[in-house]
Amino acid sequence: MSKHKEQLELFIQNLQSENFYDAHEDLEVLWYERRFEESDEVKLIKGFINASVSFELRKKGKIEASQKVWNNYLRYKDLINKIDSQHVEKYHQIIKVIDKINS
């Protein structure tokens, strides 16, 4: 299993376990090494990180801050429709998990 796929799996597991800080860290590893790329995939990953941060802030009762970060996630979420990646199915799965947590 590639490092990228492994980190995505860990992210999903930590989201589902409500370990939102750890989920953030799981994707930070992927995002950090590519953070200067002008890539929709990198921006989508950043959006997923924002979603996990938003959930962590909400868990801590910081609702206003949570909403600000959530809005960043929403700004990137639709990039799923623009990317060409071998991980696109996993990204769709992540969006479903995020939507379920947010419902």
Protein backbone atom coordinates (compact mmCIF):
# COMPACT_ATOMS: atom_id res chain seq x y z
CA MET A 1 0.00 0.00 0.00
CA SER A 2 1.37 3.42 -0.92
CA LYS A 3 2.09 6.03 1.75
CA HIS A 4 -0.62 8.23 0.29
CA LYS A 5 -3.28 5.52 0.44
CA GLU A 6 -2.16 4.49 3.92
CA GLN A 7 -2.51 8.07 5.21
CA LEU A 8 -5.98 8.35 3.65
CA GLU A 9 -7.03 5.14 5.40
CA LEU A 10 -5.70 6.40 8.73
CA PHE A 11 -7.55 9.68 8.19
CA ILE A 12 -10.85 7.85 7.66
CA GLN A 13 -10.29 5.64 10.70
CA ASN A 14 -9.51 8.62 12.92
CA LEU A 15 -12.51 10.58 11.65
CA GLN A 16 -14.80 7.66 12.37
CA SER A 17 -13.30 7.30 15.85
CA GLU A 18 -13.71 11.05 16.46
CA ASN A 19 -9.95 11.43 16.80
CA PHE A 20 -10.10 14.61 14.78
CA TYR A 21 -6.72 16.00 15.82
CA ASP A 22 -5.03 12.75 14.79
CA ALA A 23 -6.98 12.77 11.52
CA HIS A 24 -5.62 16.24 10.83
CA GLU A 25 -2.09 14.97 11.45
CA ASP A 26 -2.65 12.01 9.11
CA LEU A 27 -3.21 14.29 6.13
CA GLU A 28 -0.82 17.02 7.21
CA VAL A 29 1.95 14.57 6.28
CA LEU A 30 0.68 14.41 2.68
CA TRP A 31 -0.18 18.08 2.34
CA TYR A 32 3.02 19.49 3.84
CA GLU A 33 5.38 17.95 1.29
CA ARG A 34 3.22 19.26 -1.59
CA ARG A 35 1.95 22.52 -0.04
CA PHE A 36 3.53 24.79 -2.66
CA GLU A 37 1.99 22.98 -5.63
CA GLU A 38 -0.86 24.70 -7.44
CA SER A 39 -2.82 21.47 -7.56
CA ASP A 40 -6.53 20.90 -7.05
CA GLU A 41 -5.69 17.60 -5.36
CA VAL A 42 -3.45 19.36 -2.83
CA LYS A 43 -6.18 21.93 -2.20
CA LEU A 44 -8.72 19.13 -1.68
CA ILE A 45 -6.43 17.50 0.88
CA LYS A 46 -6.13 20.89 2.59
CA GLY A 47 -9.94 21.01 2.64
CA PHE A 48 -10.11 17.61 4.32
CA ILE A 49 -7.64 18.85 6.94
CA ASN A 50 -9.88 21.87 7.49
CA ALA A 51 -12.90 19.60 8.01
CA SER A 52 -11.10 17.60 10.70
CA VAL A 53 -9.91 20.80 12.41
CA SER A 54 -13.47 22.11 12.31
CA PHE A 55 -14.74 18.95 14.01
CA GLU A 56 -12.05 19.21 16.69
CA LEU A 57 -12.94 22.85 17.36
CA ARG A 58 -16.64 21.94 17.57
CA LYS A 59 -15.79 19.14 20.00
CA LYS A 60 -14.05 21.74 22.18
CA GLY A 61 -17.08 24.04 22.07
CA LYS A 62 -15.45 26.62 19.82
CA ILE A 63 -18.41 26.90 17.47
CA GLU A 64 -17.57 30.20 15.77
CA ALA A 65 -14.00 29.13 15.00
CA SER A 66 -15.28 25.76 13.86
CA GLN A 67 -17.64 27.41 11.36
CA LYS A 68 -14.87 29.57 9.90
CA VAL A 69 -12.68 26.54 9.27
CA TRP A 70 -15.68 24.56 7.96
CA ASN A 71 -16.26 27.27 5.37
CA ASN A 72 -12.71 26.67 4.13
CA TYR A 73 -13.51 22.99 3.70
CA LEU A 74 -16.63 23.88 1.71
CA ARG A 75 -14.55 26.10 -0.55
CA TYR A 76 -12.34 23.13 -1.52
CA LYS A 77 -14.86 20.27 -1.43
CA ASP A 78 -16.08 20.65 -5.00
CA LEU A 79 -12.56 20.27 -6.35
CA ILE A 80 -13.29 16.54 -6.21
CA ASN A 81 -15.02 17.07 -9.56
CA LYS A 82 -11.90 18.56 -11.17
CA ILE A 83 -9.12 16.23 -10.13
CA ASP A 84 -7.63 13.34 -12.02
CA SER A 85 -6.09 11.11 -9.39
CA GLN A 86 -5.72 7.43 -8.64
CA HIS A 87 -7.17 8.27 -5.21
CA VAL A 88 -10.41 9.87 -6.38
CA GLU A 89 -12.59 7.00 -5.11
CA LYS A 90 -10.99 7.27 -1.67
CA TYR A 91 -11.58 11.03 -1.72
CA HIS A 92 -15.26 10.43 -2.45
CA GLN A 93 -15.35 8.04 0.50
CA ILE A 94 -13.77 10.70 2.73
CA ILE A 95 -16.40 13.24 1.69
CA LYS A 96 -19.15 10.76 2.62
CA VAL A 97 -17.56 10.22 6.05
CA ILE A 98 -17.23 13.97 6.59
CA ASP A 99 -20.84 14.56 5.52
CA LYS A 100 -22.03 11.85 7.90
CA ILE A 101 -20.14 13.37 10.83
CA ASN A 102 -21.49 16.80 9.99
CA SER A 103 -25.14 15.67 9.75
